[in-house]
C-alpha cells in the first residue's frame, strides 16, 4: 500500500492522529505511477479549447442581428454581428499567439546562450 505524508493541520495537532493518507487509488491498484505527458497535456488543452469553441458558437448563433460597425477609419453600415464577433475573437487569438511565439523565441535564445 502506497502512502504519502501530509502536513498536519490545525485539527491534527493531536499526536494520536495519523498524518498519512492513502495515495491515488489508480496508483494503488496497479502499483505503477503514470507521469504527466505532453500528449496528456495537449489532450486536455484540446478538450478545453473545444468547450470554449462550443460556447463561442452558441454565443455567435444567438447574436445574428445586423449592426453598424466603426473601427478607426473603416465603417460598415449593416454588418452581421456574428461575423464581427468572430473576427474579433480570431484577432484576439492571433494576437495571443504572436505574443506567445515571441516569448518562446526569447526563451530559446536565452537557453542557447546559456549552453555556450
PDB file of N, CA and C in Angstrom:
ATOM      1  N   UNK A   1       0.839  -1.170   0.000  1.00  0.00           N
ATOM      2  CA  UNK A   1       0.000   0.000   0.000  1.00  0.00           C
ATOM      3  C   UNK A   1       0.889   1.240   0.000  1.00  0.00           C
ATOM      4  N   UNK A   2       0.637   2.133  -0.932  1.00  0.00           N
ATOM      5  CA  UNK A   2       1.429   3.341  -1.059  1.00  0.00           C
ATOM      6  C   UNK A   2       0.802   4.444  -0.222  1.00  0.00           C
ATOM      7  N   UNK A   3       1.617   5.132   0.563  1.00  0.00           N
ATOM      8  CA  UNK A   3       1.116   6.230   1.380  1.00  0.00           C
ATOM      9  C   UNK A   3       2.048   7.415   1.200  1.00  0.00           C
ATOM     10  N   UNK A   4       1.514   8.600   1.433  1.00  0.00           N
ATOM     11  CA  UNK A   4       2.318   9.800   1.369  1.00  0.00           C
ATOM     12  C   UNK A   4       2.073  10.615   2.622  1.00  0.00           C
ATOM     13  N   UNK A   5       3.054  11.391   3.000  1.00  0.00           N
ATOM     14  CA  UNK A   5       2.953  12.219   4.196  1.00  0.00           C
ATOM     15  C   UNK A   5       2.234  13.513   3.845  1.00  0.00           C
ATOM     16  N   UNK A   6       1.412  13.988   4.770  1.00  0.00           N
ATOM     17  CA  UNK A   6       0.773  15.289   4.615  1.00  0.00           C
ATOM     18  C   UNK A   6       1.117  16.129   5.821  1.00  0.00           C
ATOM     19  N   UNK A   7       1.168  17.420   5.599  1.00  0.00           N
ATOM     20  CA  UNK A   7       1.478  18.325   6.706  1.00  0.00           C
ATOM     21  C   UNK A   7       0.300  18.365   7.667  1.00  0.00           C
ATOM     22  N   UNK A   8       0.547  18.367   8.969  1.00  0.00           N
ATOM     23  CA  UNK A   8      -0.549  18.434   9.924  1.00  0.00           C
ATOM     24  C   UNK A   8      -1.251  19.775   9.833  1.00  0.00           C
ATOM     25  N   UNK A   9      -2.557  19.748  10.016  1.00  0.00           N
ATOM     26  CA  UNK A   9      -3.340  20.972  10.012  1.00  0.00           C
ATOM     27  C   UNK A   9      -3.708  21.322  11.434  1.00  0.00           C
ATOM     28  N   UNK A  10      -4.453  22.402  11.583  1.00  0.00           N
ATOM     29  CA  UNK A  10      -4.831  22.851  12.927  1.00  0.00           C
ATOM     30  C   UNK A  10      -5.662  21.805  13.650  1.00  0.00           C
ATOM     31  N   UNK A  11      -6.397  20.969  12.917  1.00  0.00           N
ATOM     32  CA  UNK A  11      -7.226  19.948  13.556  1.00  0.00           C
ATOM     33  C   UNK A  11      -6.438  18.681  13.840  1.00  0.00           C
ATOM     34  N   UNK A  12      -5.201  18.598  13.354  1.00  0.00           N
ATOM     35  CA  UNK A  12      -4.409  17.387  13.544  1.00  0.00           C
ATOM     36  C   UNK A  12      -3.244  17.610  14.502  1.00  0.00           C
ATOM     37  N   UNK A  13      -3.416  18.425  15.510  1.00  0.00           N
ATOM     38  CA  UNK A  13      -2.340  18.681  16.467  1.00  0.00           C
ATOM     39  C   UNK A  13      -2.149  17.537  17.452  1.00  0.00           C
ATOM     40  N   UNK A  14      -3.110  16.651  17.574  1.00  0.00           N
ATOM     41  CA  UNK A  14      -3.032  15.522  18.490  1.00  0.00           C
ATOM     42  C   UNK A  14      -2.067  14.484  17.905  1.00  0.00           C
ATOM     43  N   UNK A  15      -1.037  14.041  18.672  1.00  0.00           N
ATOM     44  CA  UNK A  15      -0.089  13.052  18.143  1.00  0.00           C
ATOM     45  C   UNK A  15      -0.740  11.719  17.822  1.00  0.00           C
ATOM     46  N   UNK A  16      -1.904  11.452  18.383  1.00  0.00           N
ATOM     47  CA  UNK A  16      -2.576  10.190  18.105  1.00  0.00           C
ATOM     48  C   UNK A  16      -3.204  10.176  16.715  1.00  0.00           C
ATOM     49  N   UNK A  17      -3.380  11.352  16.127  1.00  0.00           N
ATOM     50  CA  UNK A  17      -3.991  11.438  14.804  1.00  0.00           C
ATOM     51  C   UNK A  17      -2.930  11.090  13.767  1.00  0.00           C
ATOM     52  N   UNK A  18      -3.258  10.190  12.869  1.00  0.00           N
ATOM     53  CA  UNK A  18      -2.324   9.786  11.829  1.00  0.00           C
ATOM     54  C   UNK A  18      -2.149  10.910  10.824  1.00  0.00           C
ATOM     55  N   UNK A  19      -0.933  11.112  10.368  1.00  0.00           N
ATOM     56  CA  UNK A  19      -0.663  12.153   9.372  1.00  0.00           C
ATOM     57  C   UNK A  19      -0.373  11.552   8.006  1.00  0.00           C
ATOM     58  N   UNK A  20      -0.814  10.328   7.760  1.00  0.00           N
ATOM     59  CA  UNK A  20      -0.647   9.716   6.449  1.00  0.00           C
ATOM     60  C   UNK A  20      -2.018   9.462   5.854  1.00  0.00           C
ATOM     61  N   UNK A  21      -2.091   9.603   4.532  1.00  0.00           N
ATOM     62  CA  UNK A  21      -3.322   9.318   3.808  1.00  0.00           C
ATOM     63  C   UNK A  21      -2.976   8.410   2.646  1.00  0.00           C
ATOM     64  N   UNK A  22      -3.970   7.689   2.184  1.00  0.00           N
ATOM     65  CA  UNK A  22      -3.743   6.792   1.053  1.00  0.00           C
ATOM     66  C   UNK A  22      -3.478   7.610  -0.199  1.00  0.00           C
ATOM     67  N   UNK A  23      -2.621   7.108  -1.051  1.00  0.00           N
ATOM     68  CA  UNK A  23      -2.308   7.780  -2.308  1.00  0.00           C
ATOM     69  C   UNK A  23      -3.436   7.551  -3.308  1.00  0.00           C
ATOM     70  N   UNK A  24      -3.222   7.960  -4.529  1.00  0.00           N
ATOM     71  CA  UNK A  24      -4.204   7.836  -5.590  1.00  0.00           C
ATOM     72  C   UNK A  24      -4.636   6.372  -5.745  1.00  0.00           C
ATOM     73  N   UNK A  25      -5.951   6.086  -5.753  1.00  0.00           N
ATOM     74  CA  UNK A  25      -6.400   4.690  -5.876  1.00  0.00           C
ATOM     75  C   UNK A  25      -5.937   4.004  -7.153  1.00  0.00           C
ATOM     76  N   UNK A  26      -5.811   4.773  -8.251  1.00  0.00           N
ATOM     77  CA  UNK A  26      -5.345   4.158  -9.501  1.00  0.00           C
ATOM     78  C   UNK A  26      -3.914   3.670  -9.360  1.00  0.00           C
ATOM     79  N   UNK A  27      -3.100   4.416  -8.647  1.00  0.00           N
ATOM     80  CA  UNK A  27      -1.713   4.012  -8.434  1.00  0.00           C
ATOM     81  C   UNK A  27      -1.670   2.810  -7.499  1.00  0.00           C
ATOM     82  N   UNK A  28      -2.538   2.820  -6.463  1.00  0.00           N
ATOM     83  CA  UNK A  28      -2.566   1.693  -5.526  1.00  0.00           C
ATOM     84  C   UNK A  28      -2.939   0.393  -6.225  1.00  0.00           C
ATOM     85  N   UNK A  29      -3.934   0.432  -7.114  1.00  0.00           N
ATOM     86  CA  UNK A  29      -4.412  -0.808  -7.721  1.00  0.00           C
ATOM     87  C   UNK A  29      -3.397  -1.399  -8.695  1.00  0.00           C
ATOM     88  N   UNK A  30      -2.678  -0.548  -9.422  1.00  0.00           N
ATOM     89  CA  UNK A  30      -1.729  -1.064 -10.405  1.00  0.00           C
ATOM     90  C   UNK A  30      -0.305  -1.104  -9.884  1.00  0.00           C
ATOM     91  N   UNK A  31      -0.003  -0.259  -8.907  1.00  0.00           N
ATOM     92  CA  UNK A  31       1.348  -0.195  -8.392  1.00  0.00           C
ATOM     93  C   UNK A  31       2.294   0.552  -9.307  1.00  0.00           C
ATOM     94  N   UNK A  32       1.757   1.197 -10.358  1.00  0.00           N
ATOM     95  CA  UNK A  32       2.570   1.915 -11.327  1.00  0.00           C
ATOM     96  C   UNK A  32       2.168   3.384 -11.306  1.00  0.00           C
ATOM     97  N   UNK A  33       3.151   4.271 -11.207  1.00  0.00           N
ATOM     98  CA  UNK A  33       2.888   5.706 -11.270  1.00  0.00           C
ATOM     99  C   UNK A  33       2.930   6.142 -12.727  1.00  0.00           C
ATOM    100  N   UNK A  34       1.856   6.740 -13.201  1.00  0.00           N
ATOM    101  CA  UNK A  34       1.787   7.198 -14.587  1.00  0.00           C
ATOM    102  C   UNK A  34       2.097   8.686 -14.610  1.00  0.00           C
ATOM    103  N   UNK A  35       3.205   9.096 -15.234  1.00  0.00           N
ATOM    104  CA  UNK A  35       3.586  10.509 -15.234  1.00  0.00           C
ATOM    105  C   UNK A  35       2.727  11.328 -16.191  1.00  0.00           C
ATOM    106  N   UNK A  36       2.678  12.632 -15.947  1.00  0.00           N
ATOM    107  CA  UNK A  36       2.003  13.553 -16.847  1.00  0.00           C
ATOM    108  C   UNK A  36       2.854  13.702 -18.100  1.00  0.00           C
ATOM    109  N   UNK A  37       2.237  13.537 -19.262  1.00  0.00           N
ATOM    110  CA  UNK A  37       2.974  13.613 -20.520  1.00  0.00           C
ATOM    111  C   UNK A  37       2.516  14.810 -21.336  1.00  0.00           C
ATOM    112  N   UNK A  38       3.274  15.122 -22.369  1.00  0.00           N
ATOM    113  CA  UNK A  38       2.881  16.211 -23.270  1.00  0.00           C
ATOM    114  C   UNK A  38       1.596  15.865 -23.995  1.00  0.00           C
ATOM    115  N   UNK A  39       1.428  14.607 -24.360  1.00  0.00           N
ATOM    116  CA  UNK A  39       0.203  14.193 -25.056  1.00  0.00           C
ATOM    117  C   UNK A  39      -1.009  14.376 -24.156  1.00  0.00           C
ATOM    118  N   UNK A  40      -0.873  14.050 -22.887  1.00  0.00           N
ATOM    119  CA  UNK A  40      -1.992  14.233 -21.955  1.00  0.00           C
ATOM    120  C   UNK A  40      -2.310  15.705 -21.780  1.00  0.00           C
ATOM    121  N   UNK A  41      -1.279  16.535 -21.704  1.00  0.00           N
ATOM    122  CA  UNK A  41      -1.499  17.975 -21.580  1.00  0.00           C
ATOM    123  C   UNK A  41      -2.148  18.531 -22.838  1.00  0.00           C
ATOM    124  N   UNK A  42      -1.696  18.071 -24.000  1.00  0.00           N
ATOM    125  CA  UNK A  42      -2.279  18.529 -25.261  1.00  0.00           C
ATOM    126  C   UNK A  42      -3.734  18.091 -25.365  1.00  0.00           C
ATOM    127  N   UNK A  43      -4.031  16.877 -24.950  1.00  0.00           N
ATOM    128  CA  UNK A  43      -5.402  16.375 -24.997  1.00  0.00           C
ATOM    129  C   UNK A  43      -6.297  17.223 -24.104  1.00  0.00           C
ATOM    130  N   UNK A  44      -5.827  17.556 -22.925  1.00  0.00           N
ATOM    131  CA  UNK A  44      -6.610  18.399 -22.017  1.00  0.00           C
ATOM    132  C   UNK A  44      -6.828  19.776 -22.623  1.00  0.00           C
ATOM    133  N   UNK A  45      -5.789  20.354 -23.205  1.00  0.00           N
ATOM    134  CA  UNK A  45      -5.913  21.669 -23.824  1.00  0.00           C
ATOM    135  C   UNK A  45      -6.893  21.644 -24.992  1.00  0.00           C
ATOM    136  N   UNK A  46      -6.875  20.578 -25.784  1.00  0.00           N
ATOM    137  CA  UNK A  46      -7.801  20.456 -26.910  1.00  0.00           C
ATOM    138  C   UNK A  46      -9.235  20.344 -26.409  1.00  0.00           C
ATOM    139  N   UNK A  47      -9.446  19.594 -25.337  1.00  0.00           N
ATOM    140  CA  UNK A  47     -10.791  19.467 -24.771  1.00  0.00           C
ATOM    141  C   UNK A  47     -11.302  20.807 -24.256  1.00  0.00           C
ATOM    142  N   UNK A  48     -10.452  21.556 -23.572  1.00  0.00           N
ATOM    143  CA  UNK A  48     -10.851  22.874 -23.071  1.00  0.00           C
ATOM    144  C   UNK A  48     -11.133  23.808 -24.242  1.00  0.00           C
ATOM    145  N   UNK A  49     -10.269  23.786 -25.265  1.00  0.00           N
ATOM    146  CA  UNK A  49     -10.484  24.623 -26.447  1.00  0.00           C
ATOM    147  C   UNK A  49     -11.787  24.245 -27.151  1.00  0.00           C
ATOM    148  N   UNK A  50     -12.105  22.971 -27.198  1.00  0.00           N
ATOM    149  CA  UNK A  50     -13.365  22.531 -27.795  1.00  0.00           C
ATOM    150  C   UNK A  50     -14.575  23.061 -27.032  1.00  0.00           C
ATOM    151  N   UNK A  51     -14.501  23.036 -25.713  1.00  0.00           N
ATOM    152  CA  UNK A  51     -15.602  23.571 -24.904  1.00  0.00           C
ATOM    153  C   UNK A  51     -15.752  25.079 -25.100  1.00  0.00           C
ATOM    154  N   UNK A  52     -14.631  25.781 -25.186  1.00  0.00           N
ATOM    155  CA  UNK A  52     -14.682  27.219 -25.443  1.00  0.00           C
ATOM    156  C   UNK A  52     -15.266  27.480 -26.834  1.00  0.00           C
ATOM    157  N   UNK A  53     -14.884  26.673 -27.814  1.00  0.00           N
ATOM    158  CA  UNK A  53     -15.412  26.836 -29.172  1.00  0.00           C
ATOM    159  C   UNK A  53     -16.921  26.610 -29.213  1.00  0.00           C
ATOM    160  N   UNK A  54     -17.396  25.613 -28.486  1.00  0.00           N
ATOM    161  CA  UNK A  54     -18.841  25.370 -28.434  1.00  0.00           C
ATOM    162  C   UNK A  54     -19.554  26.568 -27.813  1.00  0.00           C
ATOM    163  N   UNK A  55     -18.988  27.107 -26.735  1.00  0.00           N
ATOM    164  CA  UNK A  55     -19.573  28.297 -26.126  1.00  0.00           C
ATOM    165  C   UNK A  55     -19.576  29.480 -27.076  1.00  0.00           C
ATOM    166  N   UNK A  56     -18.487  29.663 -27.838  1.00  0.00           N
ATOM    167  CA  UNK A  56     -18.411  30.740 -28.815  1.00  0.00           C
ATOM    168  C   UNK A  56     -19.441  30.554 -29.921  1.00  0.00           C
ATOM    169  N   UNK A  57     -19.611  29.334 -30.386  1.00  0.00           N
ATOM    170  CA  UNK A  57     -20.595  29.064 -31.436  1.00  0.00           C
ATOM    171  C   UNK A  57     -22.000  29.381 -30.944  1.00  0.00           C
ATOM    172  N   UNK A  58     -22.319  28.983 -29.717  1.00  0.00           N
ATOM    173  CA  UNK A  58     -23.645  29.290 -29.160  1.00  0.00           C
ATOM    174  C   UNK A  58     -23.824  30.794 -29.037  1.00  0.00           C
ATOM    175  N   UNK A  59     -22.798  31.496 -28.548  1.00  0.00           N
ATOM    176  CA  UNK A  59     -22.873  32.943 -28.405  1.00  0.00           C
ATOM    177  C   UNK A  59     -23.085  33.610 -29.753  1.00  0.00           C
ATOM    178  N   UNK A  60     -22.344  33.156 -30.770  1.00  0.00           N
ATOM    179  CA  UNK A  60     -22.483  33.739 -32.105  1.00  0.00           C
ATOM    180  C   UNK A  60     -23.838  33.435 -32.718  1.00  0.00           C
ATOM    181  N   UNK A  61     -24.354  32.243 -32.491  1.00  0.00           N
ATOM    182  CA  UNK A  61     -25.659  31.868 -33.052  1.00  0.00           C
ATOM    183  C   UNK A  61     -26.780  32.708 -32.458  1.00  0.00           C
ATOM    184  N   UNK A  62     -26.626  33.170 -31.228  1.00  0.00           N
ATOM    185  CA  UNK A  62     -27.657  33.977 -30.586  1.00  0.00           C
ATOM    186  C   UNK A  62     -27.550  35.455 -30.946  1.00  0.00           C
ATOM    187  N   UNK A  63     -26.478  35.880 -31.596  1.00  0.00           N
ATOM    188  CA  UNK A  63     -26.275  37.287 -31.940  1.00  0.00           C
ATOM    189  C   UNK A  63     -26.148  37.441 -33.448  1.00  0.00           C
ATOM    190  N   UNK A  64     -27.263  37.274 -34.152  1.00  0.00           N
ATOM    191  CA  UNK A  64     -27.236  37.299 -35.615  1.00  0.00           C
ATOM    192  C   UNK A  64     -27.772  38.593 -36.210  1.00  0.00           C
ATOM    193  N   UNK A  65     -28.060  39.577 -35.390  1.00  0.00           N
ATOM    194  CA  UNK A  65     -28.594  40.841 -35.905  1.00  0.00           C
ATOM    195  C   UNK A  65     -27.531  41.584 -36.706  1.00  0.00           C
ATOM    196  N   UNK A  66     -27.984  42.496 -37.571  1.00  0.00           N
ATOM    197  CA  UNK A  66     -27.046  43.343 -38.297  1.00  0.00           C
ATOM    198  C   UNK A  66     -26.926  44.666 -37.558  1.00  0.00           C
ATOM    199  N   UNK A  67     -25.707  45.151 -37.455  1.00  0.00           N
ATOM    200  CA  UNK A  67     -25.434  46.382 -36.703  1.00  0.00           C
ATOM    201  C   UNK A  67     -24.430  47.228 -37.472  1.00  0.00           C
ATOM    202  N   UNK A  68     -24.452  48.538 -37.261  1.00  0.00           N
ATOM    203  CA  UNK A  68     -23.394  49.377 -37.849  1.00  0.00           C
ATOM    204  C   UNK A  68     -22.114  49.240 -37.029  1.00  0.00           C
ATOM    205  N   UNK A  69     -20.994  49.091 -37.719  1.00  0.00           N
ATOM    206  CA  UNK A  69     -19.717  48.893 -37.049  1.00  0.00           C
ATOM    207  C   UNK A  69     -18.736  49.954 -37.535  1.00  0.00           C
ATOM    208  N   UNK A  70     -17.998  50.553 -36.587  1.00  0.00           N
ATOM    209  CA  UNK A  70     -16.948  51.526 -36.917  1.00  0.00           C
ATOM    210  C   UNK A  70     -15.673  51.114 -36.207  1.00  0.00           C
ATOM    211  N   UNK A  71     -14.578  51.077 -36.957  1.00  0.00           N
ATOM    212  CA  UNK A  71     -13.266  50.780 -36.382  1.00  0.00           C
ATOM    213  C   UNK A  71     -12.254  51.650 -37.095  1.00  0.00           C
ATOM    214  N   UNK A  72     -11.639  52.557 -36.337  1.00  0.00           N
ATOM    215  CA  UNK A  72     -10.705  53.529 -36.866  1.00  0.00           C
ATOM    216  C   UNK A  72     -11.348  54.283 -38.026  1.00  0.00           C
ATOM    217  N   UNK A  73     -10.828  54.160 -39.235  1.00  0.00           N
ATOM    218  CA  UNK A  73     -11.387  54.874 -40.378  1.00  0.00           C
ATOM    219  C   UNK A  73     -12.366  54.015 -41.180  1.00  0.00           C
ATOM    220  N   UNK A  74     -12.580  52.773 -40.768  1.00  0.00           N
ATOM    221  CA  UNK A  74     -13.447  51.867 -41.513  1.00  0.00           C
ATOM    222  C   UNK A  74     -14.856  51.869 -40.922  1.00  0.00           C
ATOM    223  N   UNK A  75     -15.859  51.842 -41.801  1.00  0.00           N
ATOM    224  CA  UNK A  75     -17.249  51.827 -41.360  1.00  0.00           C
ATOM    225  C   UNK A  75     -18.013  50.785 -42.168  1.00  0.00           C
ATOM    226  N   UNK A  76     -18.873  50.058 -41.502  1.00  0.00           N
ATOM    227  CA  UNK A  76     -19.769  49.107 -42.171  1.00  0.00           C
ATOM    228  C   UNK A  76     -21.181  49.419 -41.677  1.00  0.00           C
ATOM    229  N   UNK A  77     -22.085  49.640 -42.608  1.00  0.00           N
ATOM    230  CA  UNK A  77     -23.438  50.050 -42.233  1.00  0.00           C
ATOM    231  C   UNK A  77     -24.293  48.886 -41.729  1.00  0.00           C
ATOM    232  N   UNK A  78     -24.215  47.757 -42.377  1.00  0.00           N
ATOM    233  CA  UNK A  78     -25.067  46.639 -41.959  1.00  0.00           C
ATOM    234  C   UNK A  78     -24.264  45.342 -41.944  1.00  0.00           C
ATOM    235  N   UNK A  79     -23.330  45.293 -41.046  1.00  0.00           N
ATOM    236  CA  UNK A  79     -22.510  44.094 -40.914  1.00  0.00           C
ATOM    237  C   UNK A  79     -23.170  43.146 -39.918  1.00  0.00           C
ATOM    238  N   UNK A  80     -22.985  41.876 -40.132  1.00  0.00           N
ATOM    239  CA  UNK A  80     -23.534  40.876 -39.225  1.00  0.00           C
ATOM    240  C   UNK A  80     -22.747  40.917 -37.914  1.00  0.00           C
ATOM    241  N   UNK A  81     -23.456  40.979 -36.805  1.00  0.00           N
ATOM    242  CA  UNK A  81     -22.816  40.981 -35.502  1.00  0.00           C
ATOM    243  C   UNK A  81     -22.019  39.697 -35.293  1.00  0.00           C
ATOM    244  N   UNK A  82     -22.540  38.594 -35.823  1.00  0.00           N
ATOM    245  CA  UNK A  82     -21.850  37.309 -35.693  1.00  0.00           C
ATOM    246  C   UNK A  82     -20.477  37.357 -36.363  1.00  0.00           C
ATOM    247  N   UNK A  83     -20.427  37.901 -37.564  1.00  0.00           N
ATOM    248  CA  UNK A  83     -19.151  37.983 -38.286  1.00  0.00           C
ATOM    249  C   UNK A  83     -18.197  38.919 -37.556  1.00  0.00           C
ATOM    250  N   UNK A  84     -18.700  40.034 -37.058  1.00  0.00           N
ATOM    251  CA  UNK A  84     -17.847  40.980 -36.335  1.00  0.00           C
ATOM    252  C   UNK A  84     -17.284  40.339 -35.066  1.00  0.00           C
ATOM    253  N   UNK A  85     -18.102  39.610 -34.332  1.00  0.00           N
ATOM    254  CA  UNK A  85     -17.636  38.943 -33.120  1.00  0.00           C
ATOM    255  C   UNK A  85     -16.623  37.849 -33.449  1.00  0.00           C
ATOM    256  N   UNK A  86     -16.868  37.121 -34.513  1.00  0.00           N
ATOM    257  CA  UNK A  86     -15.932  36.070 -34.920  1.00  0.00           C
ATOM    258  C   UNK A  86     -14.585  36.660 -35.332  1.00  0.00           C
ATOM    259  N   UNK A  87     -14.617  37.762 -36.071  1.00  0.00           N
ATOM    260  CA  UNK A  87     -13.373  38.417 -36.468  1.00  0.00           C
ATOM    261  C   UNK A  87     -12.629  38.924 -35.236  1.00  0.00           C
ATOM    262  N   UNK A  88     -13.344  39.487 -34.275  1.00  0.00           N
ATOM    263  CA  UNK A  88     -12.707  39.969 -33.047  1.00  0.00           C
ATOM    264  C   UNK A  88     -12.089  38.806 -32.266  1.00  0.00           C
ATOM    265  N   UNK A  89     -12.790  37.661 -32.190  1.00  0.00           N
ATOM    266  CA  UNK A  89     -12.257  36.502 -31.469  1.00  0.00           C
ATOM    267  C   UNK A  89     -11.002  35.969 -32.144  1.00  0.00           C
ATOM    268  N   UNK A  90     -11.025  35.847 -33.456  1.00  0.00           N
ATOM    269  CA  UNK A  90      -9.858  35.358 -34.191  1.00  0.00           C
ATOM    270  C   UNK A  90      -8.695  36.343 -34.051  1.00  0.00           C
ATOM    271  N   UNK A  91      -8.992  37.642 -34.092  1.00  0.00           N
ATOM    272  CA  UNK A  91      -7.946  38.646 -33.891  1.00  0.00           C
ATOM    273  C   UNK A  91      -7.296  38.530 -32.523  1.00  0.00           C
ATOM    274  N   UNK A  92      -8.104  38.297 -31.492  1.00  0.00           N
ATOM    275  CA  UNK A  92      -7.559  38.108 -30.145  1.00  0.00           C
ATOM    276  C   UNK A  92      -6.697  36.864 -30.042  1.00  0.00           C
ATOM    277  N   UNK A  93      -7.129  35.791 -30.687  1.00  0.00           N
ATOM    278  CA  UNK A  93      -6.357  34.550 -30.681  1.00  0.00           C
ATOM    279  C   UNK A  93      -5.015  34.756 -31.394  1.00  0.00           C
ATOM    280  N   UNK A  94      -5.043  35.422 -32.546  1.00  0.00           N
ATOM    281  CA  UNK A  94      -3.802  35.661 -33.288  1.00  0.00           C
ATOM    282  C   UNK A  94      -2.846  36.559 -32.506  1.00  0.00           C
ATOM    283  N   UNK A  95      -3.381  37.576 -31.854  1.00  0.00           N
ATOM    284  CA  UNK A  95      -2.532  38.448 -31.044  1.00  0.00           C
ATOM    285  C   UNK A  95      -1.883  37.673 -29.900  1.00  0.00           C
ATOM    286  N   UNK A  96      -2.642  36.801 -29.257  1.00  0.00           N
ATOM    287  CA  UNK A  96      -2.100  35.975 -28.180  1.00  0.00           C
ATOM    288  C   UNK A  96      -1.025  35.030 -28.712  1.00  0.00           C
ATOM    289  N   UNK A  97      -1.240  34.443 -29.884  1.00  0.00           N
ATOM    290  CA  UNK A  97      -0.244  33.539 -30.485  1.00  0.00           C
ATOM    291  C   UNK A  97       1.040  34.278 -30.835  1.00  0.00           C
ATOM    292  N   UNK A  98       0.922  35.494 -31.339  1.00  0.00           N
ATOM    293  CA  UNK A  98       2.111  36.269 -31.706  1.00  0.00           C
ATOM    294  C   UNK A  98       2.937  36.589 -30.471  1.00  0.00           C
ATOM    295  N   UNK A  99       2.270  37.024 -29.397  1.00  0.00           N
ATOM    296  CA  UNK A  99       2.994  37.337 -28.159  1.00  0.00           C
ATOM    297  C   UNK A  99       3.620  36.069 -27.578  1.00  0.00           C
ATOM    298  N   UNK A 100       2.889  34.957 -27.590  1.00  0.00           N
ATOM    299  CA  UNK A 100       3.435  33.694 -27.088  1.00  0.00           C
ATOM    300  C   UNK A 100       4.612  33.217 -27.903  1.00  0.00           C
ATOM    301  N   UNK A 101       4.523  33.369 -29.212  1.00  0.00           N
ATOM    302  CA  UNK A 101       5.621  32.958 -30.083  1.00  0.00           C
ATOM    303  C   UNK A 101       6.864  33.804 -29.821  1.00  0.00           C
ATOM    304  N   UNK A 102       6.685  35.092 -29.616  1.00  0.00           N
ATOM    305  CA  UNK A 102       7.822  35.957 -29.310  1.00  0.00           C
ATOM    306  C   UNK A 102       8.483  35.534 -27.999  1.00  0.00           C
ATOM    307  N   UNK A 103       7.686  35.165 -27.012  1.00  0.00           N
ATOM    308  CA  UNK A 103       8.243  34.723 -25.729  1.00  0.00           C
ATOM    309  C   UNK A 103       8.994  33.402 -25.892  1.00  0.00           C
ATOM    310  N   UNK A 104       8.469  32.488 -26.670  1.00  0.00           N
ATOM    311  CA  UNK A 104       9.147  31.208 -26.895  1.00  0.00           C
ATOM    312  C   UNK A 104      10.486  31.421 -27.591  1.00  0.00           C
ATOM    313  N   UNK A 105      10.514  32.300 -28.596  1.00  0.00           N
ATOM    314  CA  UNK A 105      11.766  32.598 -29.293  1.00  0.00           C
ATOM    315  C   UNK A 105      12.766  33.215 -28.322  1.00  0.00           C
ATOM    316  N   UNK A 106      12.293  34.114 -27.466  1.00  0.00           N
ATOM    317  CA  UNK A 106      13.163  34.747 -26.482  1.00  0.00           C
ATOM    318  C   UNK A 106      13.753  33.714 -25.523  1.00  0.00           C
ATOM    319  N   UNK A 107      12.938  32.794 -25.022  1.00  0.00           N
ATOM    320  CA  UNK A 107      13.426  31.771 -24.099  1.00  0.00           C
ATOM    321  C   UNK A 107      14.397  30.811 -24.773  1.00  0.00           C
ATOM    322  N   UNK A 108      14.133  30.452 -26.027  1.00  0.00           N
ATOM    323  CA  UNK A 108      15.065  29.577 -26.747  1.00  0.00           C
ATOM    324  C   UNK A 108      16.406  30.259 -26.957  1.00  0.00           C
ATOM    325  N   UNK A 109      16.363  31.554 -27.250  1.00  0.00           N
ATOM    326  CA  UNK A 109      17.603  32.309 -27.421  1.00  0.00           C
ATOM    327  C   UNK A 109      18.394  32.316 -26.120  1.00  0.00           C
ATOM    328  N   UNK A 110      17.734  32.540 -25.009  1.00  0.00           N
ATOM    329  CA  UNK A 110      18.412  32.534 -23.713  1.00  0.00           C
ATOM    330  C   UNK A 110      18.961  31.158 -23.373  1.00  0.00           C
ATOM    331  N   UNK A 111      18.227  30.102 -23.723  1.00  0.00           N
ATOM    332  CA  UNK A 111      18.689  28.740 -23.444  1.00  0.00           C
ATOM    333  C   UNK A 111      19.927  28.404 -24.266  1.00  0.00           C
ATOM    334  N   UNK A 112      19.958  28.820 -25.524  1.00  0.00           N
ATOM    335  CA  UNK A 112      21.127  28.561 -26.369  1.00  0.00           C
ATOM    336  C   UNK A 112      22.345  29.330 -25.876  1.00  0.00           C
ATOM    337  N   UNK A 113      22.121  30.560 -25.451  1.00  0.00           N
ATOM    338  CA  UNK A 113      23.218  31.376 -24.964  1.00  0.00           C
ATOM    339  C   UNK A 113      23.794  30.776 -23.666  1.00  0.00           C
ATOM    340  N   UNK A 114      22.937  30.175 -22.854  1.00  0.00           N
ATOM    341  CA  UNK A 114      23.378  29.562 -21.604  1.00  0.00           C
ATOM    342  C   UNK A 114      24.180  28.291 -21.826  1.00  0.00           C
ATOM    343  N   UNK A 115      23.949  27.577 -22.930  1.00  0.00           N
ATOM    344  CA  UNK A 115      24.691  26.338 -23.213  1.00  0.00           C
ATOM    345  C   UNK A 115      26.086  26.606 -23.736  1.00  0.00           C
ATOM    346  N   UNK A 116      26.293  27.732 -24.389  1.00  0.00           N
ATOM    347  CA  UNK A 116      27.603  28.029 -24.976  1.00  0.00           C
ATOM    348  C   UNK A 116      28.624  28.426 -23.968  1.00  0.00           C
TER     349      UNK A 116
END
